[in-house]
Protein backbone atom coordinates (compact mmCIF):
# COMPACT_ATOMS: atom_id res chain seq x y z
CA ALA A 1 0.00 0.00 0.00
CA ARG A 2 2.95 2.36 0.52
CA HIS A 3 4.30 1.96 -3.03
CA GLY A 4 3.30 4.20 -5.91
CA PRO A 5 4.78 5.38 -9.21
CA ASP A 6 7.28 7.63 -7.36
CA ASN A 7 9.29 4.79 -5.76
CA PRO A 8 9.62 1.89 -8.23
CA GLY A 9 13.02 0.89 -6.83
CA ALA A 10 11.78 0.18 -3.32
CA ALA A 11 8.66 -1.47 -4.70
CA ARG A 12 10.75 -3.77 -6.93
CA GLU A 13 12.68 -5.25 -3.98
CA ASP A 14 9.59 -5.87 -1.85
CA VAL A 15 7.63 -7.33 -4.76
CA LYS A 16 10.42 -9.61 -5.94
CA SER A 17 10.87 -11.06 -2.46
CA ILE A 18 7.21 -12.14 -2.49
CA LEU A 19 6.98 -13.30 -6.10
CA ASN A 20 10.19 -15.35 -6.12
CA ASP A 21 8.20 -18.37 -5.01
CA ILE A 22 4.48 -17.82 -5.39
CA SER A 23 3.62 -21.30 -4.14
CA LYS A 24 5.06 -20.54 -0.69
CA ALA A 25 3.60 -17.03 -0.28
CA GLU A 26 0.14 -16.33 1.07
CA PRO A 27 -2.35 -15.47 -1.71
CA ARG A 28 -3.19 -12.09 -0.16
CA PHE A 29 0.49 -11.12 -0.25
CA VAL A 30 0.88 -12.29 -3.87
CA SER A 31 -2.14 -10.31 -5.09
CA ALA A 32 -1.02 -7.25 -3.12
CA ALA A 33 2.48 -7.53 -4.59
CA LEU A 34 1.17 -7.73 -8.16
CA ARG A 35 -1.14 -4.75 -7.61
CA ALA A 36 1.75 -2.76 -6.11
CA ALA A 37 3.95 -3.66 -9.09
CA THR A 38 1.24 -2.47 -11.48
CA ARG A 39 0.69 0.74 -9.55
CA ALA A 40 4.42 1.50 -9.17
CA ALA A 41 5.18 0.57 -12.82
CA VAL A 42 7.63 -2.19 -11.85
CA ASP A 43 8.44 -4.10 -15.04
CA GLY A 44 10.36 -7.34 -15.52
CA LEU A 45 7.92 -9.49 -13.54
CA THR A 46 6.02 -11.04 -16.43
CA THR A 47 7.30 -14.57 -15.69
CA PRO A 48 5.91 -14.77 -12.12
CA ALA A 49 2.77 -12.94 -13.34
CA ARG A 50 2.17 -15.65 -15.95
CA ARG A 51 2.52 -18.30 -13.24
CA ALA A 52 0.07 -16.34 -11.10
CA LEU A 53 -2.59 -16.67 -13.83
CA ALA A 54 -2.95 -20.35 -12.88
CA HIS A 55 -3.30 -19.61 -9.14
CA THR A 56 -6.31 -21.08 -7.37
CA ASP A 57 -7.11 -17.76 -5.63
CA PRO A 58 -9.25 -15.49 -7.88
CA ALA A 59 -7.71 -12.35 -6.37
CA VAL A 60 -4.23 -13.46 -7.46
CA THR A 61 -5.42 -14.28 -10.99
CA ALA A 62 -7.19 -10.92 -11.29
CA ALA A 63 -4.08 -9.05 -10.13
CA ALA A 64 -1.94 -10.99 -12.63
CA ILE A 65 -4.36 -10.06 -15.45
CA GLU A 66 -4.02 -6.36 -14.58
CA TYR A 67 -0.22 -6.59 -14.45
CA LEU A 68 0.14 -8.43 -17.76
CA ASP A 69 -2.25 -6.03 -19.46
CA ARG A 70 0.19 -3.24 -18.67
CA PHE A 71 3.53 -4.95 -19.33
CA ALA A 72 2.80 -7.93 -21.62
CA PRO A 73 -0.56 -7.34 -23.36
CA ASP A 74 0.33 -9.59 -26.32
CA ASP A 75 0.74 -12.53 -23.93
CA LEU A 76 -2.64 -11.83 -22.34
CA ARG A 77 -4.84 -11.25 -25.41
CA PRO A 78 -5.09 -14.93 -26.50
CA LEU A 79 -6.22 -15.88 -22.98
CA LEU A 80 -8.73 -13.08 -22.46
CA GLY A 81 -11.72 -15.07 -23.72
CA ARG A 82 -11.12 -17.73 -21.06
CA TYR A 83 -11.17 -15.14 -18.26
CA LEU A 84 -14.23 -13.36 -19.68
CA ALA A 85 -16.06 -16.70 -19.44
CA SER A 86 -14.98 -17.23 -15.82
CA THR A 87 -17.65 -17.56 -13.15
CA GLU A 88 -15.43 -15.77 -10.62
CA PRO A 89 -16.54 -12.11 -10.37
CA ARG A 90 -13.02 -10.76 -9.69
CA ILE A 91 -11.49 -12.54 -12.68
CA LYS A 92 -14.33 -11.62 -15.02
CA THR A 93 -14.28 -7.98 -13.92
CA ALA A 94 -10.52 -7.71 -14.41
CA ALA A 95 -10.76 -9.24 -17.90
CA LEU A 96 -13.61 -6.89 -18.78
CA ARG A 97 -11.57 -3.86 -17.69
CA VAL A 98 -8.73 -5.01 -19.93
CA LEU A 99 -11.09 -5.48 -22.89
CA GLN A 100 -12.68 -2.08 -22.25
CA ARG A 101 -9.31 -0.35 -22.50
CA SER A 102 -8.31 -2.13 -25.72
CA ASP A 103 -11.68 -2.54 -27.50
CA PRO A 104 -14.59 -0.66 -25.87
CA LEU A 105 -17.17 -1.83 -28.40
CA GLN A 106 -16.23 -5.47 -27.87
CA ALA A 107 -16.52 -4.90 -24.12
CA VAL A 108 -20.04 -3.56 -24.64
CA SER A 109 -20.92 -6.68 -26.64
CA ALA A 110 -19.58 -8.88 -23.83
CA LEU A 111 -21.67 -6.99 -21.27
CA GLU A 112 -24.80 -7.28 -23.40
CA ALA A 113 -24.27 -11.04 -23.60
CA MET A 114 -24.04 -11.20 -19.80
CA LEU A 115 -27.24 -9.17 -19.39
CA GLN A 116 -29.06 -11.47 -21.85
CA SER A 117 -28.00 -14.59 -19.97
CA ARG A 118 -30.74 -16.66 -18.32
CA GLN A 119 -28.57 -17.21 -15.26
CA PRO A 120 -29.24 -14.64 -12.49
CA ALA A 121 -25.60 -14.83 -11.35
CA GLN A 122 -24.41 -13.77 -14.81
CA GLN A 123 -27.04 -11.02 -14.99
CA LYS A 124 -26.02 -9.68 -11.58
CA LEU A 125 -22.34 -9.70 -12.53
CA GLY A 126 -23.13 -7.97 -15.83
CA VAL A 127 -25.02 -5.19 -14.05
CA ALA A 128 -22.13 -4.74 -11.62
CA CYS A 129 -19.67 -4.42 -14.53
CA LEU A 130 -21.66 -1.70 -16.30
CA ILE A 131 -19.82 0.98 -14.32
CA HIS A 132 -16.74 0.30 -16.48
CA VAL A 133 -18.36 1.56 -19.73
CA GLU A 134 -20.21 4.66 -20.83
CA PHE A 135 -23.78 4.17 -19.66
CA ALA A 136 -25.37 5.45 -22.89
CA LEU A 137 -23.84 2.49 -24.74
CA VAL A 138 -25.55 -0.12 -22.52
CA ARG A 139 -28.68 1.72 -21.39
CA GLU A 140 -31.08 -0.09 -23.74
CA ALA A 141 -29.58 -3.51 -22.94
CA LEU A 142 -30.08 -2.85 -19.21
CA ALA A 143 -33.64 -1.67 -19.84
CA ALA A 144 -34.37 -4.91 -21.73
CA LEU A 145 -33.15 -6.89 -18.71
CA LEU A 146 -35.23 -4.90 -16.21
CA ALA A 147 -38.33 -5.37 -18.36
CA THR A 148 -38.10 -9.14 -17.78
CA ASN A 149 -38.83 -8.63 -14.05
CA PRO A 150 -35.46 -9.91 -12.75
CA ALA A 151 -34.62 -10.71 -9.12
CA PRO A 152 -35.22 -7.78 -6.71
CA ASP A 153 -31.49 -7.19 -6.10
CA ILE A 154 -30.81 -7.01 -9.87
CA LEU A 155 -33.75 -4.63 -10.34
CA GLU A 156 -32.48 -2.41 -7.51
CA ALA A 157 -28.92 -2.33 -8.89
CA GLY A 158 -30.18 -1.52 -12.39
CA LEU A 159 -32.37 1.31 -11.13
CA CYS A 160 -29.41 2.76 -9.24
CA LEU A 161 -27.47 2.94 -12.51
CA PHE A 162 -30.36 4.71 -14.24
CA GLN A 163 -30.64 7.20 -11.39
CA THR A 164 -26.89 7.83 -11.27
CA ASN A 165 -26.85 8.49 -15.04
CA ALA A 166 -30.14 10.39 -15.19
CA ASP A 167 -31.19 11.80 -18.56
CA PRO A 168 -34.50 12.21 -20.45
CA GLU A 169 -33.96 9.03 -22.51
CA GLY A 170 -33.48 7.00 -19.33
CA VAL A 171 -36.72 8.47 -17.94
CA TYR A 172 -38.63 7.32 -21.02
CA LEU A 173 -37.16 3.81 -20.85
CA LEU A 174 -38.20 3.49 -17.19
CA TYR A 175 -41.68 4.74 -18.15
CA THR A 176 -42.05 1.90 -20.66
CA ILE A 177 -40.56 -0.66 -18.24
CA GLU A 178 -42.94 0.04 -15.36
CA ARG A 179 -45.92 -0.73 -17.63
CA ARG A 180 -44.58 -4.23 -18.26
CA LEU A 181 -43.85 -5.21 -14.65
CA PRO A 182 -45.98 -6.60 -11.79
CA PRO A 183 -47.38 -3.96 -9.38
CA ASP A 184 -44.64 -4.14 -6.71
CA ALA A 185 -41.76 -3.88 -9.18
CA ALA A 186 -43.62 -1.22 -11.20
CA ARG A 187 -43.98 0.96 -8.08
CA ALA A 188 -40.23 0.73 -7.43
CA VAL A 189 -39.49 1.79 -11.03
CA GLU A 190 -42.04 4.62 -10.87
CA ARG A 191 -40.50 5.99 -7.64
CA VAL A 192 -37.02 6.12 -9.22
CA ARG A 193 -38.40 7.60 -12.44
CA ARG A 194 -40.17 10.43 -10.62
CA GLU A 195 -37.03 11.23 -8.61
CA MET A 196 -35.07 11.39 -11.87
CA MET A 197 -37.71 13.66 -13.43
CA SER A 198 -37.55 16.06 -10.46
CA ALA A 199 -33.75 16.26 -10.69
CA LEU A 200 -33.81 16.81 -14.46
CA ALA A 201 -36.55 19.45 -14.13
CA ALA A 202 -34.37 21.31 -11.64
CA ASP A 203 -31.58 21.34 -14.25
CA GLY A 204 -33.95 22.55 -16.98
CA ARG A 205 -33.75 19.30 -18.96
CA LEU A 206 -37.44 18.43 -18.44
CA PRO A 207 -40.54 20.59 -18.02
CA ALA A 208 -40.97 21.87 -14.47
CA ASP A 209 -44.66 20.89 -14.55
CA MET A 210 -44.76 17.13 -13.90
CA HIS A 211 -48.18 16.83 -15.56
CA ILE A 212 -46.74 18.16 -18.82
CA ALA A 213 -43.72 15.86 -18.53
CA GLU A 214 -45.96 12.83 -17.90
CA ALA A 215 -48.14 13.77 -20.87
CA GLU A 216 -45.07 13.94 -23.12
CA LEU A 217 -44.00 10.47 -21.99
CA ALA A 218 -47.46 9.06 -22.62
CA GLY A 219 -47.59 10.71 -26.06
CA ARG A 220 -44.23 9.28 -27.09
CA ALA A 221 -45.20 5.82 -25.86
CA GLY A 222 -48.42 6.02 -27.88
CA ARG A 223 -46.59 7.04 -31.03
CA GLU A 224 -44.10 4.19 -30.62
CA ALA A 225 -46.93 1.68 -30.13
CA THR A 226 -48.73 2.94 -33.24
CA LYS A 227 -45.55 2.75 -35.27
CA GLN A 228 -44.89 -0.85 -34.21
CA ALA A 229 -48.47 -1.93 -34.91
CA ALA A 230 -48.58 -0.32 -38.37
CA GLN A 231 -48.35 -2.46 -41.50
CA PRO A 232 -44.70 -2.39 -42.63
CA PRO A 233 -44.04 -0.88 -46.10
CA ALA A 234 -43.23 -3.17 -49.02
CA TYR A 235 -39.53 -2.24 -48.86
CA ALA A 236 -39.17 -3.09 -45.14
CA TYR A 237 -36.56 -5.74 -44.38
CA ARG A 238 -38.97 -8.15 -42.68
CA VAL A 239 -41.21 -8.07 -45.78
CA LEU A 240 -38.31 -8.39 -48.22
CA LYS A 241 -36.82 -11.24 -46.17
CA LYS A 242 -39.88 -13.41 -46.77
CA THR A 243 -39.93 -12.54 -50.49
CA ILE A 244 -36.22 -13.34 -50.89
CA ALA A 245 -36.60 -16.69 -49.09
CA ALA A 246 -39.51 -17.66 -51.34
CA SER A 247 -37.55 -16.62 -54.47
CA ASP A 248 -34.58 -18.72 -53.38
CA ASP A 249 -36.79 -21.78 -52.96
CA ARG A 250 -38.27 -21.30 -56.44
CA ALA A 251 -34.83 -20.76 -57.95
CA ALA A 252 -33.52 -23.92 -56.33
CA GLY A 253 -36.40 -25.90 -57.82
CA ALA A 254 -35.96 -24.37 -61.28
CA PHE A 255 -32.29 -25.33 -61.42
CA HIS A 256 -32.76 -28.91 -60.26
CA LEU A 257 -30.99 -31.16 -62.80
CA SER A 258 -31.91 -34.67 -63.77
CA ASP A 259 -29.39 -37.51 -63.49
CA GLU A 260 -28.91 -37.59 -67.28
CA ALA A 261 -28.21 -33.83 -67.44
CA ARG A 262 -25.67 -34.11 -64.64
CA ARG A 263 -23.86 -36.96 -66.46
CA THR A 264 -23.74 -34.89 -69.67
CA LEU A 265 -22.28 -31.85 -67.88
CA THR A 266 -19.77 -34.05 -66.09
CA GLY A 267 -18.54 -35.39 -69.45
CA PHE A 268 -17.87 -31.87 -70.76
CA LEU A 269 -16.22 -30.63 -67.55
CA PRO A 270 -12.61 -31.82 -68.31
CA ALA A 271 -12.64 -30.11 -71.72
CA VAL A 272 -13.94 -26.86 -70.20
CA LEU A 273 -11.22 -26.89 -67.53
CA VAL A 274 -8.49 -27.44 -70.14
CA LEU A 275 -9.83 -24.53 -72.19
CA VAL A 276 -9.94 -22.20 -69.17
CA ALA A 277 -6.37 -23.15 -68.20
CA ALA A 278 -5.15 -22.45 -71.77
CA VAL A 279 -6.76 -19.00 -71.78
CA ILE A 280 -5.18 -18.13 -68.42
CA LEU A 281 -1.74 -19.31 -69.56
CA TRP A 282 -2.01 -17.30 -72.78
CA ASN A 283 -2.92 -14.12 -70.84
CA VAL A 284 0.03 -14.60 -68.49
CA LEU A 285 2.53 -15.10 -71.32
CA ALA A 286 1.08 -12.21 -73.32
CA GLY A 287 1.31 -9.90 -70.31
CA ARG A 288 4.94 -10.92 -69.67
CA ASP A 289 5.95 -10.34 -73.30
CA GLY A 290 4.10 -7.07 -73.61
CA GLY A 291 5.80 -5.57 -70.57
CA GLY A 292 2.48 -4.81 -68.97
CA SER A 293 2.65 -3.40 -65.47
CA GLU A 294 0.53 -4.46 -62.55
CA SER A 295 -1.87 -1.92 -61.19
CA PRO A 296 -1.31 -1.00 -57.58
CA GLY A 297 -3.70 -2.42 -55.02
CA PRO A 298 -6.12 -0.23 -53.17
CA ALA A 299 -4.54 1.94 -50.50
CA THR A 300 -5.57 1.40 -46.93
CA ALA A 301 -7.90 4.13 -45.71
CA SER A 302 -6.38 6.50 -43.22
CA LEU A 303 -7.95 7.55 -39.96
CA ALA A 304 -9.07 10.77 -41.55
CA GLU A 305 -11.01 8.80 -44.19
CA GLY A 306 -13.23 7.18 -41.61
CA ARG A 307 -11.37 4.34 -39.90
CA HIS A 308 -11.02 5.34 -36.26
CA GLN A 309 -9.33 3.56 -33.39
CA ILE A 310 -11.56 3.72 -30.32
CA ARG A 311 -9.85 3.65 -26.93
CA GLN A 312 -10.95 3.79 -23.30
CA ILE A 313 -8.73 6.46 -21.73
CA GLU A 314 -8.05 7.02 -18.04
CA GLY A 315 -5.86 9.90 -16.95
CA TRP A 316 -5.90 13.58 -15.99
CA VAL A 317 -6.71 16.94 -17.54
CA ARG A 318 -3.42 18.83 -17.48
CA PRO A 319 -3.40 22.30 -15.83
CA GLY A 320 -2.61 25.29 -17.99
CA SER A 321 -3.39 23.33 -21.15
CA SER A 322 -7.11 24.02 -21.44
CA SER A 323 -8.27 26.51 -24.08
CA ARG A 324 -11.55 27.55 -25.51
CA ALA A 325 -11.28 25.16 -28.43
CA GLU A 326 -9.77 22.02 -26.89
CA PHE A 327 -8.24 20.58 -23.73
CA LEU A 328 -5.36 18.16 -23.13
CA VAL A 329 -5.71 14.76 -21.45
CA GLU A 330 -2.63 12.85 -20.31
CA ALA A 331 -3.37 9.13 -19.92
CA GLU A 332 -1.91 6.88 -17.25
CA THR A 333 0.26 5.38 -20.01
CA GLY A 334 1.83 8.79 -20.73
CA GLU A 335 -0.01 9.28 -24.03
CA ARG A 336 -1.57 12.69 -24.70
CA PHE A 337 -4.90 13.47 -26.35
CA TRP A 338 -6.31 16.83 -27.50
CA VAL A 339 -10.11 16.75 -27.22
CA PRO A 340 -12.55 19.43 -28.53
CA ALA A 341 -14.08 21.33 -25.64
CA GLY A 342 -17.47 21.12 -27.34
CA ASP A 343 -17.54 17.32 -26.91
CA TYR A 344 -17.97 17.64 -23.11
CA ASP A 345 -20.47 19.74 -21.18
CA PRO A 346 -19.15 20.87 -18.80
CA VAL A 347 -15.52 20.82 -19.91
CA PRO A 348 -13.39 18.89 -17.33
CA ALA A 349 -11.45 21.19 -15.02
CA PRO A 350 -7.62 21.22 -14.91
CA ASP A 351 -6.16 18.48 -12.67
CA ALA A 352 -9.49 16.62 -12.82
CA LYS A 353 -9.49 12.85 -13.21
CA PHE A 354 -10.55 11.87 -16.74
CA LYS A 355 -12.19 8.66 -17.87
CA GLY A 356 -13.87 8.34 -21.24
CA THR A 357 -14.11 6.64 -24.61
CA LEU A 358 -12.20 8.53 -27.33
CA ALA A 359 -11.97 8.06 -31.09
CA LEU A 360 -8.42 8.77 -32.27
CA VAL A 361 -8.52 10.98 -35.38
CA GLN A 362 -4.96 11.99 -36.24
CA LYS A 363 -1.51 11.93 -34.66
CA ARG A 364 0.17 15.32 -34.38
CA ASP A 365 3.82 16.20 -35.01
CA ASP A 366 4.58 16.28 -31.27
CA GLY A 367 3.25 12.74 -30.78
CA ALA A 368 -0.08 13.74 -29.23
CA TRP A 369 -3.39 12.57 -30.70
CA SER A 370 -6.26 14.67 -31.96
CA ALA A 371 -9.30 12.82 -30.61
CA ARG A 372 -13.07 13.05 -30.33
CA ARG A 373 -15.38 11.79 -27.66
CA ALA A 374 -16.78 8.62 -29.24
CA ALA A 375 -20.39 9.33 -28.32
CA ALA A 376 -20.21 12.93 -29.59
CA ALA A 377 -18.68 11.78 -32.88
CA GLY A 378 -21.41 9.19 -33.38
CA LEU A 379 -18.91 6.27 -33.08
CA ARG A 380 -20.68 3.93 -30.71
């Protein structure tokens, strides 16, 4: 607990003395040593960390996952799926944090799979892990789970997340959920929804008159119900899907060949193959003699052309660097990211802790990245 990034030398000696023989050390000391090594940036311990992955104590395995993610991520990536499938909450949470930092969208997919599980233990763990991702990315998946009338503790935890991340869209989702639940659960949802509405009204994000706000919710719910009940247009996917399937069946029947036709085609097949091979050989020789040049392959699109790397960033807003147009974030890894001030409201204050999902746009001459908040850029 006394070691941080300012004293890696002292941390290295203490940590090595514990990790020299993991089998003889108490699990609580091993996990504490690995966490201290991660926190104090003590490298060179990947070998004992790999051994710690196989430890029987989940806390030791989780600490080893965190350490290897920082100092040997390539060794950890092939094993990440195994730890994401673990039934141990500590191991699964550690693996999810690693995945969130390297591939936020894949982490969201993993969380959605946990929420859709039929096992209450997996659902409960999935809800607990939602704090590691931006809530807007998983809000609808959580709402779908709450609408199934889950266990009371899962319902309570899910409502806490909605209330902590209150916004008008969350209010509407709770409004639709409470109409699908039994009376007791519906009353719990309604109580949280009304508290959220009061808080949002105080901030000017909902009408101050609760009757008007309730009427708007009811009107939106009615419009959504009418839209779902309406006859889909002829070009809708669910209509076209049936038409395409029927056409495929008819096409398969039309091209059914008799045994005699198949034997005839089989007899001509060798001659056709020889002819095709001769044409290909002629084109190759003609191209070589004519000095023809190969056309270059398509160039890989750059970040500016639409391929963005999305990263989960944890770090600090650096003092003296904020401006009207953009502010500077320095990640725990030492990387720097310039983010438009308009992507965040309010703009994080200098020295504030920063945690968010950024889309990397372009690398600057000084090594820093120009980045956008993923949600603001529409990259979810």
